[in-house]
């Protein structure tokens, strides 16, 4: 519960407790706090026991820690009944991003084997963004497809 409290924080809490409650009342306050924590734990344990009894024998291996989403996901990934590790290992994000970057910059990626699929510009696969695109003549109409409309 208090795994991340260091020595400095602990000393600070003790000093604050002595200042707030005083050295005379501090032992009584500590006893009351420990008694309250003990009662809360007993209540929690009895509630867990009641839930386990109500769920029945098919949930005998049920752990309440599995209700935490991070723990549940970690347990399911370790179980790997769905083959998620194979899917995750088969997907190379760096390679995919490199292919997308090459496509955006107009370069040919290593995975494409057809040399005729380059962009066709004379600047070594790069597109000149300063050049205006060629516009068709005004009397030329784009092709019309009656089935598409």
C-alpha atoms as a PDB file:
ATOM      1  CA  UNK A   1       0.000   0.000   0.000  1.00  0.00           C
ATOM      2  CA  UNK A   2       2.774   2.420   0.905  1.00  0.00           C
ATOM      3  CA  UNK A   3       5.495   1.069  -1.381  1.00  0.00           C
ATOM      4  CA  UNK A   4       6.522   4.449  -2.750  1.00  0.00           C
ATOM      5  CA  UNK A   5       6.904   6.323   0.556  1.00  0.00           C
ATOM      6  CA  UNK A   6      10.514   7.147   1.254  1.00  0.00           C
ATOM      7  CA  UNK A   7      12.266   7.839   4.527  1.00  0.00           C
ATOM      8  CA  UNK A   8      11.894  11.622   4.180  1.00  0.00           C
ATOM      9  CA  UNK A   9       8.118  11.365   3.683  1.00  0.00           C
ATOM     10  CA  UNK A  10       7.818   9.022   6.666  1.00  0.00           C
ATOM     11  CA  UNK A  11       9.764  11.387   8.941  1.00  0.00           C
ATOM     12  CA  UNK A  12       7.627  14.301   7.710  1.00  0.00           C
ATOM     13  CA  UNK A  13       4.417  12.399   8.522  1.00  0.00           C
ATOM     14  CA  UNK A  14       5.662  11.538  12.021  1.00  0.00           C
ATOM     15  CA  UNK A  15       6.635  15.159  12.719  1.00  0.00           C
ATOM     16  CA  UNK A  16       3.262  16.423  11.439  1.00  0.00           C
ATOM     17  CA  UNK A  17       1.405  13.850  13.570  1.00  0.00           C
ATOM     18  CA  UNK A  18       3.314  14.927  16.683  1.00  0.00           C
ATOM     19  CA  UNK A  19       2.623  18.597  15.924  1.00  0.00           C
ATOM     20  CA  UNK A  20      -1.082  18.102  15.172  1.00  0.00           C
ATOM     21  CA  UNK A  21      -2.064  15.614  17.906  1.00  0.00           C
ATOM     22  CA  UNK A  22       0.664  16.224  20.436  1.00  0.00           C
ATOM     23  CA  UNK A  23       2.798  13.607  22.175  1.00  0.00           C
ATOM     24  CA  UNK A  24       0.088  12.873  24.772  1.00  0.00           C
ATOM     25  CA  UNK A  25      -2.735  11.974  22.354  1.00  0.00           C
ATOM     26  CA  UNK A  26      -0.606  10.394  19.614  1.00  0.00           C
ATOM     27  CA  UNK A  27      -0.597   6.787  20.999  1.00  0.00           C
ATOM     28  CA  UNK A  28      -4.405   6.854  21.352  1.00  0.00           C
ATOM     29  CA  UNK A  29      -4.819   8.165  17.778  1.00  0.00           C
ATOM     30  CA  UNK A  30      -2.491   5.443  16.446  1.00  0.00           C
ATOM     31  CA  UNK A  31      -4.523   2.766  18.257  1.00  0.00           C
ATOM     32  CA  UNK A  32      -7.778   4.142  16.861  1.00  0.00           C
ATOM     33  CA  UNK A  33      -6.394   4.258  13.321  1.00  0.00           C
ATOM     34  CA  UNK A  34      -5.034   0.701  13.480  1.00  0.00           C
ATOM     35  CA  UNK A  35      -8.323  -0.560  14.930  1.00  0.00           C
ATOM     36  CA  UNK A  36     -10.258   1.135  12.111  1.00  0.00           C
ATOM     37  CA  UNK A  37      -7.939  -0.302   9.446  1.00  0.00           C
ATOM     38  CA  UNK A  38      -8.301  -3.776  10.985  1.00  0.00           C
ATOM     39  CA  UNK A  39     -12.118  -3.505  10.924  1.00  0.00           C
ATOM     40  CA  UNK A  40     -12.088  -2.339   7.296  1.00  0.00           C
ATOM     41  CA  UNK A  41      -9.881  -5.296   6.312  1.00  0.00           C
ATOM     42  CA  UNK A  42     -12.147  -7.754   8.157  1.00  0.00           C
ATOM     43  CA  UNK A  43     -15.203  -6.269   6.445  1.00  0.00           C
ATOM     44  CA  UNK A  44     -13.464  -6.487   3.061  1.00  0.00           C
ATOM     45  CA  UNK A  45     -12.395 -10.094   3.619  1.00  0.00           C
ATOM     46  CA  UNK A  46     -15.902 -11.133   4.691  1.00  0.00           C
ATOM     47  CA  UNK A  47     -17.395  -9.398   1.650  1.00  0.00           C
ATOM     48  CA  UNK A  48     -14.938 -11.213  -0.638  1.00  0.00           C
ATOM     49  CA  UNK A  49     -15.788 -14.519   1.042  1.00  0.00           C
ATOM     50  CA  UNK A  50     -19.523 -13.879   0.586  1.00  0.00           C
ATOM     51  CA  UNK A  51     -19.039 -13.032  -3.087  1.00  0.00           C
ATOM     52  CA  UNK A  52     -16.993 -16.207  -3.659  1.00  0.00           C
ATOM     53  CA  UNK A  53     -19.683 -18.308  -1.992  1.00  0.00           C
ATOM     54  CA  UNK A  54     -22.422 -16.702  -4.085  1.00  0.00           C
ATOM     55  CA  UNK A  55     -20.519 -17.145  -7.358  1.00  0.00           C
ATOM     56  CA  UNK A  56     -20.243 -20.873  -6.871  1.00  0.00           C
ATOM     57  CA  UNK A  57     -17.583 -23.473  -7.664  1.00  0.00           C
ATOM     58  CA  UNK A  58     -17.111 -22.438 -11.320  1.00  0.00           C
ATOM     59  CA  UNK A  59     -15.466 -19.200 -10.134  1.00  0.00           C
ATOM     60  CA  UNK A  60     -13.162 -20.778  -7.565  1.00  0.00           C
ATOM     61  CA  UNK A  61     -10.042 -19.372  -9.284  1.00  0.00           C
ATOM     62  CA  UNK A  62     -11.534 -15.855  -9.482  1.00  0.00           C
ATOM     63  CA  UNK A  63      -9.211 -13.162  -8.140  1.00  0.00           C
ATOM     64  CA  UNK A  64     -10.470  -9.713  -7.243  1.00  0.00           C
ATOM     65  CA  UNK A  65      -7.219  -8.217  -8.508  1.00  0.00           C
ATOM     66  CA  UNK A  66      -8.351  -9.240 -12.006  1.00  0.00           C
ATOM     67  CA  UNK A  67     -11.003  -6.523 -11.811  1.00  0.00           C
ATOM     68  CA  UNK A  68      -8.222  -3.970 -12.220  1.00  0.00           C
ATOM     69  CA  UNK A  69      -8.104  -3.341 -16.011  1.00  0.00           C
ATOM     70  CA  UNK A  70      -4.292  -3.326 -16.178  1.00  0.00           C
ATOM     71  CA  UNK A  71      -4.031  -6.640 -14.354  1.00  0.00           C
ATOM     72  CA  UNK A  72      -6.790  -8.164 -16.471  1.00  0.00           C
ATOM     73  CA  UNK A  73      -5.131  -7.139 -19.757  1.00  0.00           C
ATOM     74  CA  UNK A  74      -1.696  -8.319 -18.561  1.00  0.00           C
ATOM     75  CA  UNK A  75      -3.147 -11.696 -17.567  1.00  0.00           C
ATOM     76  CA  UNK A  76      -4.950 -12.078 -20.897  1.00  0.00           C
ATOM     77  CA  UNK A  77      -1.821 -11.192 -22.869  1.00  0.00           C
ATOM     78  CA  UNK A  78       0.207 -13.719 -20.891  1.00  0.00           C
ATOM     79  CA  UNK A  79      -2.478 -16.353 -21.466  1.00  0.00           C
ATOM     80  CA  UNK A  80      -2.386 -15.722 -25.255  1.00  0.00           C
ATOM     81  CA  UNK A  81      -5.263 -18.006 -26.234  1.00  0.00           C
ATOM     82  CA  UNK A  82      -6.129 -15.675 -29.110  1.00  0.00           C
ATOM     83  CA  UNK A  83      -2.641 -15.583 -30.633  1.00  0.00           C
ATOM     84  CA  UNK A  84      -2.106 -11.910 -29.846  1.00  0.00           C
ATOM     85  CA  UNK A  85       1.657 -12.296 -29.452  1.00  0.00           C
ATOM     86  CA  UNK A  86       1.935 -13.705 -32.959  1.00  0.00           C
ATOM     87  CA  UNK A  87      -0.079 -10.818 -34.352  1.00  0.00           C
ATOM     88  CA  UNK A  88       1.925  -8.271 -32.372  1.00  0.00           C
ATOM     89  CA  UNK A  89       5.257  -9.795 -33.465  1.00  0.00           C
ATOM     90  CA  UNK A  90       4.126 -10.007 -37.091  1.00  0.00           C
ATOM     91  CA  UNK A  91       3.452  -6.286 -37.281  1.00  0.00           C
ATOM     92  CA  UNK A  92       6.579  -4.182 -37.778  1.00  0.00           C
ATOM     93  CA  UNK A  93       5.614  -0.580 -37.056  1.00  0.00           C
ATOM     94  CA  UNK A  94       8.974   0.869 -38.128  1.00  0.00           C
ATOM     95  CA  UNK A  95       8.768  -0.849 -41.503  1.00  0.00           C
ATOM     96  CA  UNK A  96       5.178   0.310 -42.032  1.00  0.00           C
ATOM     97  CA  UNK A  97       6.079   3.901 -41.119  1.00  0.00           C
ATOM     98  CA  UNK A  98       9.093   3.821 -43.451  1.00  0.00           C
ATOM     99  CA  UNK A  99       6.876   2.651 -46.320  1.00  0.00           C
ATOM    100  CA  UNK A 100       4.357   5.415 -45.631  1.00  0.00           C
ATOM    101  CA  UNK A 101       7.131   8.008 -45.457  1.00  0.00           C
ATOM    102  CA  UNK A 102       8.605   6.762 -48.739  1.00  0.00           C
ATOM    103  CA  UNK A 103       5.198   6.901 -50.390  1.00  0.00           C
ATOM    104  CA  UNK A 104       4.617  10.453 -49.178  1.00  0.00           C
ATOM    105  CA  UNK A 105       8.022  11.619 -50.392  1.00  0.00           C
ATOM    106  CA  UNK A 106       7.568   9.819 -53.700  1.00  0.00           C
ATOM    107  CA  UNK A 107      10.446   7.396 -53.191  1.00  0.00           C
ATOM    108  CA  UNK A 108      10.175   3.736 -53.974  1.00  0.00           C
ATOM    109  CA  UNK A 109      10.223   1.522 -50.902  1.00  0.00           C
ATOM    110  CA  UNK A 110      12.352  -1.594 -50.618  1.00  0.00           C
ATOM    111  CA  UNK A 111       9.285  -3.843 -50.491  1.00  0.00           C
ATOM    112  CA  UNK A 112       7.910  -2.826 -53.896  1.00  0.00           C
ATOM    113  CA  UNK A 113       9.527  -4.914 -56.608  1.00  0.00           C
ATOM    114  CA  UNK A 114       8.043  -3.223 -59.696  1.00  0.00           C
ATOM    115  CA  UNK A 115      10.443  -0.538 -60.953  1.00  0.00           C
ATOM    116  CA  UNK A 116       7.760   0.908 -63.247  1.00  0.00           C
ATOM    117  CA  UNK A 117       5.646   1.954 -60.241  1.00  0.00           C
ATOM    118  CA  UNK A 118       7.736   5.045 -59.529  1.00  0.00           C
ATOM    119  CA  UNK A 119       6.137   8.448 -59.751  1.00  0.00           C
ATOM    120  CA  UNK A 120       7.618   9.170 -63.159  1.00  0.00           C
ATOM    121  CA  UNK A 121       9.124  12.560 -62.421  1.00  0.00           C
ATOM    122  CA  UNK A 122      12.635  13.284 -63.583  1.00  0.00           C
ATOM    123  CA  UNK A 123      13.884  14.454 -60.186  1.00  0.00           C
ATOM    124  CA  UNK A 124      14.757  10.937 -58.964  1.00  0.00           C
ATOM    125  CA  UNK A 125      11.317  10.082 -57.631  1.00  0.00           C
ATOM    126  CA  UNK A 126      10.693  13.469 -56.048  1.00  0.00           C
ATOM    127  CA  UNK A 127       7.742  15.661 -56.863  1.00  0.00           C
ATOM    128  CA  UNK A 128       8.388  19.316 -57.646  1.00  0.00           C
ATOM    129  CA  UNK A 129       5.864  21.187 -55.519  1.00  0.00           C
ATOM    130  CA  UNK A 130       6.757  24.565 -57.048  1.00  0.00           C
ATOM    131  CA  UNK A 131       5.539  23.517 -60.496  1.00  0.00           C
ATOM    132  CA  UNK A 132       1.873  24.100 -61.277  1.00  0.00           C
ATOM    133  CA  UNK A 133      -0.069  20.997 -62.193  1.00  0.00           C
ATOM    134  CA  UNK A 134      -0.980  20.559 -65.795  1.00  0.00           C
ATOM    135  CA  UNK A 135      -4.554  21.617 -66.461  1.00  0.00           C
ATOM    136  CA  UNK A 136      -6.534  19.991 -69.249  1.00  0.00           C
ATOM    137  CA  UNK A 137      -7.667  22.135 -72.146  1.00  0.00           C
ATOM    138  CA  UNK A 138     -11.005  23.845 -71.676  1.00  0.00           C
ATOM    139  CA  UNK A 139     -12.689  21.954 -74.486  1.00  0.00           C
ATOM    140  CA  UNK A 140     -11.617  18.568 -73.070  1.00  0.00           C
ATOM    141  CA  UNK A 141     -14.101  17.083 -70.680  1.00  0.00           C
ATOM    142  CA  UNK A 142     -13.319  14.416 -68.185  1.00  0.00           C
ATOM    143  CA  UNK A 143     -14.573  10.951 -69.079  1.00  0.00           C
ATOM    144  CA  UNK A 144     -18.196  10.325 -68.208  1.00  0.00           C
ATOM    145  CA  UNK A 145     -19.339   7.043 -66.748  1.00  0.00           C
ATOM    146  CA  UNK A 146     -23.118   6.647 -66.852  1.00  0.00           C
ATOM    147  CA  UNK A 147     -23.014   3.637 -64.547  1.00  0.00           C
ATOM    148  CA  UNK A 148     -21.179   5.516 -61.809  1.00  0.00           C
ATOM    149  CA  UNK A 149     -23.791   8.273 -61.473  1.00  0.00           C
END
